Amino acid sequence: MRAQLLAKSFLFRGLEPGLLESVARLCLPRKLGVGETLFWEDEPADALFGVAKGLIRIWVHGPDGRELTLNLMESGDFFGEIALLDGLPRTASASALADTEMLSVPRAAFLELMVKEPKLALHIIELLCERLRYNTDRIRDAAFLDLGARLAKTLEALALGHGEEGPEGILITAKLNQSELAQLLGVTREAVNKQLKQFAQEGLISTKGSRILVLDATALSARGKIKEESA
């Protein structure tokens, strides 16, 4: 099971089976309750983490106390590799948005394996480069897409990773309130609220209590491609 989870992850996908098994043997189980913090920004790094079940929020805080969500980690996602590899403090905090089951890979054991297995080190370098490309895409989105497009892309990703299909549409089961969506997009809660109402008027979504129901996934995906100058 551990090797299968590793094989699904961005960081370890495509790794040859023998090396996957070697990494799997290093994994230790870990559980977090909803709202519990796994680690804080600037703390020493002692492990790499992977989500088996649940949802982890990666976030930073500014000098004024405001928070910005950098990413959401779900089943198959591994995170914490930057501080794990360079030995410097954590660059962000991580906390659970749902009851979460994880795997942890101790730093010392992982670095020892990388020394013994150069193929593992090369693989990690290649995947880190790919992650840099992904971050570049996010910066491009922030610069050139309007809030509606960025919110649409976020809802589309949440529906794909945390959606339950029903007769009316796709219900996003991840417990993200409007403030948390705003932190993910780097805007105010009021701006997100206004845009969600606009999506509802357009028939793209509806709300069920605090949950969002995607009514038209195709139209929502198209909305995620609209640039600011054509909005």
Protein backbone atom coordinates (compact mmCIF):
# COMPACT_ATOMS: atom_id res chain seq x y z
CA MET A 1 0.00 0.00 0.00
CA ARG A 2 2.82 2.43 0.86
CA ALA A 3 4.59 1.77 -2.44
CA GLN A 4 1.29 2.29 -4.30
CA LEU A 5 0.78 5.66 -2.61
CA LEU A 6 4.33 6.69 -3.46
CA ALA A 7 3.81 5.66 -7.09
CA LYS A 8 0.74 7.98 -7.31
CA SER A 9 2.63 10.99 -6.00
CA PHE A 10 4.14 13.82 -7.99
CA LEU A 11 7.48 13.37 -6.25
CA PHE A 12 7.91 9.63 -6.79
CA ARG A 13 5.91 8.79 -9.90
CA GLY A 14 7.89 6.93 -12.55
CA LEU A 15 10.46 5.72 -10.02
CA GLU A 16 11.55 2.14 -10.67
CA PRO A 17 9.83 -0.46 -8.43
CA GLY A 18 12.93 -1.41 -6.46
CA LEU A 19 13.57 2.18 -5.42
CA LEU A 20 9.89 2.68 -4.59
CA GLU A 21 10.06 -0.27 -2.22
CA SER A 22 13.20 1.14 -0.62
CA VAL A 23 11.47 4.48 0.05
CA ALA A 24 8.31 2.69 1.23
CA ARG A 25 10.29 0.87 3.90
CA LEU A 26 11.28 4.25 5.36
CA CYS A 27 7.68 5.44 5.73
CA LEU A 28 6.07 5.84 9.14
CA PRO A 29 2.32 6.34 9.77
CA ARG A 30 1.01 9.68 11.10
CA LYS A 31 -2.51 11.01 11.78
CA LEU A 32 -3.85 14.55 12.17
CA GLY A 33 -7.26 15.71 13.34
CA VAL A 34 -9.13 18.48 11.53
CA GLY A 35 -7.59 21.85 12.41
CA GLU A 36 -4.39 20.31 13.79
CA THR A 37 -1.06 21.80 12.67
CA LEU A 38 1.59 19.44 11.32
CA PHE A 39 4.42 21.98 11.33
CA TRP A 40 4.96 25.73 11.44
CA GLU A 41 6.88 28.03 9.14
CA ASP A 42 10.53 28.43 10.26
CA GLU A 43 10.52 25.17 12.25
CA PRO A 44 13.37 22.70 11.69
CA ALA A 45 12.56 20.06 9.05
CA ASP A 46 12.84 16.45 10.12
CA ALA A 47 10.64 14.60 7.62
CA LEU A 48 8.93 14.47 4.24
CA PHE A 49 5.17 13.91 4.40
CA GLY A 50 2.61 12.27 2.13
CA VAL A 51 -1.19 12.30 2.36
CA ALA A 52 -2.88 8.90 2.28
CA LYS A 53 -6.35 10.25 3.11
CA GLY A 54 -7.62 13.73 3.95
CA LEU A 55 -6.60 17.28 3.06
CA ILE A 56 -3.62 19.41 4.14
CA ARG A 57 -3.36 23.16 3.71
CA ILE A 58 0.07 24.68 3.05
CA TRP A 59 0.15 28.35 4.03
CA VAL A 60 2.26 31.35 5.01
CA HIS A 61 1.48 34.45 7.05
CA GLY A 62 2.40 38.06 6.42
CA PRO A 63 3.72 40.72 8.81
CA ASP A 64 0.16 42.00 9.33
CA GLY A 65 -1.09 38.57 10.38
CA ARG A 66 -2.93 37.78 7.16
CA GLU A 67 -2.58 34.29 5.76
CA LEU A 68 -2.03 33.07 2.19
CA THR A 69 -2.75 29.49 1.20
CA LEU A 70 -0.07 28.23 -1.18
CA ASN A 71 -1.44 24.80 -1.91
CA LEU A 72 -3.83 22.04 -0.89
CA MET A 73 -2.39 18.54 -0.51
CA GLU A 74 -4.67 15.55 -1.01
CA SER A 75 -4.32 11.78 -1.34
CA GLY A 76 -1.10 10.88 -3.15
CA ASP A 77 0.56 14.28 -2.59
CA PHE A 78 3.95 14.52 -0.86
CA PHE A 79 5.23 17.80 0.54
CA GLY A 80 7.97 19.32 2.67
CA GLU A 81 10.76 18.35 0.29
CA ILE A 82 12.46 21.77 0.17
CA ALA A 83 13.42 21.93 3.83
CA LEU A 84 13.97 18.17 3.86
CA LEU A 85 16.68 18.43 1.20
CA ASP A 86 18.46 21.65 2.15
CA GLY A 87 18.23 21.29 5.93
CA LEU A 88 16.96 24.84 6.39
CA PRO A 89 13.77 25.76 8.30
CA ARG A 90 10.32 25.15 6.84
CA THR A 91 9.26 27.74 4.27
CA ALA A 92 5.55 27.41 5.13
CA SER A 93 3.14 25.95 7.67
CA ALA A 94 0.95 22.87 7.18
CA SER A 95 -2.35 22.10 8.88
CA ALA A 96 -5.22 19.66 8.35
CA LEU A 97 -8.52 20.77 6.82
CA ALA A 98 -9.95 17.30 7.43
CA ASP A 99 -9.08 14.23 9.48
CA THR A 100 -5.95 13.12 7.70
CA GLU A 101 -3.86 9.95 7.49
CA MET A 102 -0.28 10.44 6.33
CA LEU A 103 3.08 8.85 5.82
CA SER A 104 6.27 10.49 7.04
CA VAL A 105 9.76 9.81 5.71
CA PRO A 106 12.51 10.74 8.21
CA ARG A 107 15.06 13.18 6.79
CA ALA A 108 18.22 11.33 7.89
CA ALA A 109 17.05 8.01 6.45
CA PHE A 110 15.92 9.58 3.18
CA LEU A 111 19.21 11.45 2.64
CA GLU A 112 21.15 8.26 3.38
CA LEU A 113 19.13 6.42 0.73
CA MET A 114 19.77 9.20 -1.81
CA VAL A 115 23.52 8.84 -1.24
CA LYS A 116 23.31 5.09 -1.84
CA GLU A 117 20.98 5.42 -4.84
CA PRO A 118 22.08 8.15 -7.32
CA LYS A 119 19.07 7.32 -9.52
CA LEU A 120 16.80 8.47 -6.70
CA ALA A 121 18.68 11.77 -6.40
CA LEU A 122 18.44 12.39 -10.17
CA HIS A 123 14.73 11.57 -10.12
CA ILE A 124 14.07 14.05 -7.31
CA ILE A 125 16.00 16.79 -9.13
CA GLU A 126 13.93 16.26 -12.29
CA LEU A 127 10.64 16.35 -10.40
CA LEU A 128 11.63 19.46 -8.46
CA CYS A 129 12.31 21.20 -11.77
CA GLU A 130 8.82 20.23 -12.91
CA ARG A 131 7.38 21.69 -9.71
CA LEU A 132 9.18 24.96 -10.44
CA ARG A 133 7.44 25.03 -13.80
CA TYR A 134 4.11 24.51 -12.05
CA ASN A 135 4.82 27.42 -9.71
CA THR A 136 5.66 29.57 -12.72
CA ASP A 137 2.24 28.74 -14.17
CA ARG A 138 0.59 29.83 -10.92
CA ILE A 139 2.45 33.14 -10.99
CA ARG A 140 1.34 33.59 -14.62
CA ASP A 141 -2.28 32.93 -13.61
CA ALA A 142 -2.07 35.50 -10.81
CA ALA A 143 -0.66 38.09 -13.19
CA PHE A 144 -2.83 37.56 -16.27
CA LEU A 145 -6.11 35.91 -15.20
CA ASP A 146 -8.91 37.73 -13.45
CA LEU A 147 -10.31 36.52 -10.11
CA GLY A 148 -13.18 34.74 -11.83
CA ALA A 149 -10.83 32.66 -13.95
CA ARG A 150 -8.59 31.79 -11.00
CA LEU A 151 -11.55 30.87 -8.79
CA ALA A 152 -13.03 28.76 -11.59
CA LYS A 153 -9.74 26.86 -11.97
CA THR A 154 -9.60 26.32 -8.21
CA LEU A 155 -13.17 25.00 -8.06
CA GLU A 156 -12.51 22.77 -11.05
CA ALA A 157 -9.46 21.27 -9.29
CA LEU A 158 -11.41 20.78 -6.05
CA ALA A 159 -14.26 19.11 -7.91
CA LEU A 160 -11.79 16.76 -9.56
CA GLY A 161 -9.96 15.87 -6.36
CA HIS A 162 -12.77 16.14 -3.82
CA GLY A 163 -15.99 15.83 -5.79
CA GLU A 164 -18.97 13.49 -5.45
CA GLU A 165 -21.07 13.17 -8.60
CA GLY A 166 -24.82 13.26 -8.18
CA PRO A 167 -27.93 13.90 -10.25
CA GLU A 168 -27.58 17.68 -9.92
CA GLY A 169 -23.84 17.99 -10.43
CA ILE A 170 -20.54 17.52 -8.59
CA LEU A 171 -20.57 18.29 -4.86
CA ILE A 172 -17.21 19.54 -3.53
CA THR A 173 -16.75 17.69 -0.26
CA ALA A 174 -13.60 19.52 0.89
CA LYS A 175 -14.53 21.75 3.81
CA LEU A 176 -13.24 25.07 2.52
CA ASN A 177 -15.08 28.18 3.62
CA GLN A 178 -14.98 31.45 1.69
CA SER A 179 -12.18 32.84 3.85
CA GLU A 180 -10.02 29.80 3.08
CA LEU A 181 -10.77 30.10 -0.63
CA ALA A 182 -9.79 33.77 -0.42
CA GLN A 183 -6.49 32.85 1.26
CA LEU A 184 -5.80 30.36 -1.49
CA LEU A 185 -6.31 33.04 -4.13
CA GLY A 186 -4.70 35.93 -2.24
CA VAL A 187 -7.84 38.10 -2.22
CA THR A 188 -10.51 39.17 0.28
CA ARG A 189 -13.41 37.00 1.40
CA GLU A 190 -15.80 39.65 0.08
CA ALA A 191 -14.28 39.35 -3.41
CA VAL A 192 -14.71 35.57 -3.38
CA ASN A 193 -18.30 35.90 -2.11
CA LYS A 194 -19.15 38.31 -4.93
CA GLN A 195 -17.61 36.02 -7.55
CA LEU A 196 -19.39 32.92 -6.22
CA LYS A 197 -22.70 34.78 -6.45
CA GLN A 198 -21.85 35.68 -10.06
CA PHE A 199 -21.11 32.02 -10.85
CA ALA A 200 -24.44 31.05 -9.28
CA GLN A 201 -26.28 33.60 -11.43
CA GLU A 202 -24.55 32.16 -14.51
CA GLY A 203 -25.69 28.66 -13.56
CA LEU A 204 -22.17 27.34 -13.02
CA ILE A 205 -22.57 26.49 -9.34
CA SER A 206 -25.01 26.50 -6.46
CA THR A 207 -24.45 26.23 -2.73
CA LYS A 208 -25.66 23.57 -0.31
CA GLY A 209 -25.09 25.04 3.11
CA SER A 210 -21.36 25.65 3.26
CA ARG A 211 -20.67 23.26 0.34
CA ILE A 212 -20.39 24.16 -3.34
CA LEU A 213 -22.18 22.17 -6.03
CA VAL A 214 -20.74 22.42 -9.53
CA LEU A 215 -23.70 22.43 -11.91
CA ASP A 216 -21.86 22.88 -15.22
CA ALA A 217 -18.29 21.54 -15.10
CA THR A 218 -17.68 22.25 -18.79
CA ALA A 219 -18.68 25.91 -18.53
CA LEU A 220 -16.71 26.29 -15.30
CA SER A 221 -13.60 24.93 -17.04
CA ALA A 222 -14.10 27.39 -19.89
CA ARG A 223 -14.46 30.26 -17.40
CA GLY A 224 -11.05 29.32 -16.01
CA LYS A 225 -9.44 30.23 -19.31
CA ILE A 226 -10.79 33.79 -19.63
CA LYS A 227 -8.07 36.43 -19.47
CA GLU A 228 -8.50 39.73 -17.74
CA GLU A 229 -8.42 41.78 -20.89
CA SER A 230 -11.28 39.80 -22.43
CA ALA A 231 -13.34 39.50 -19.22
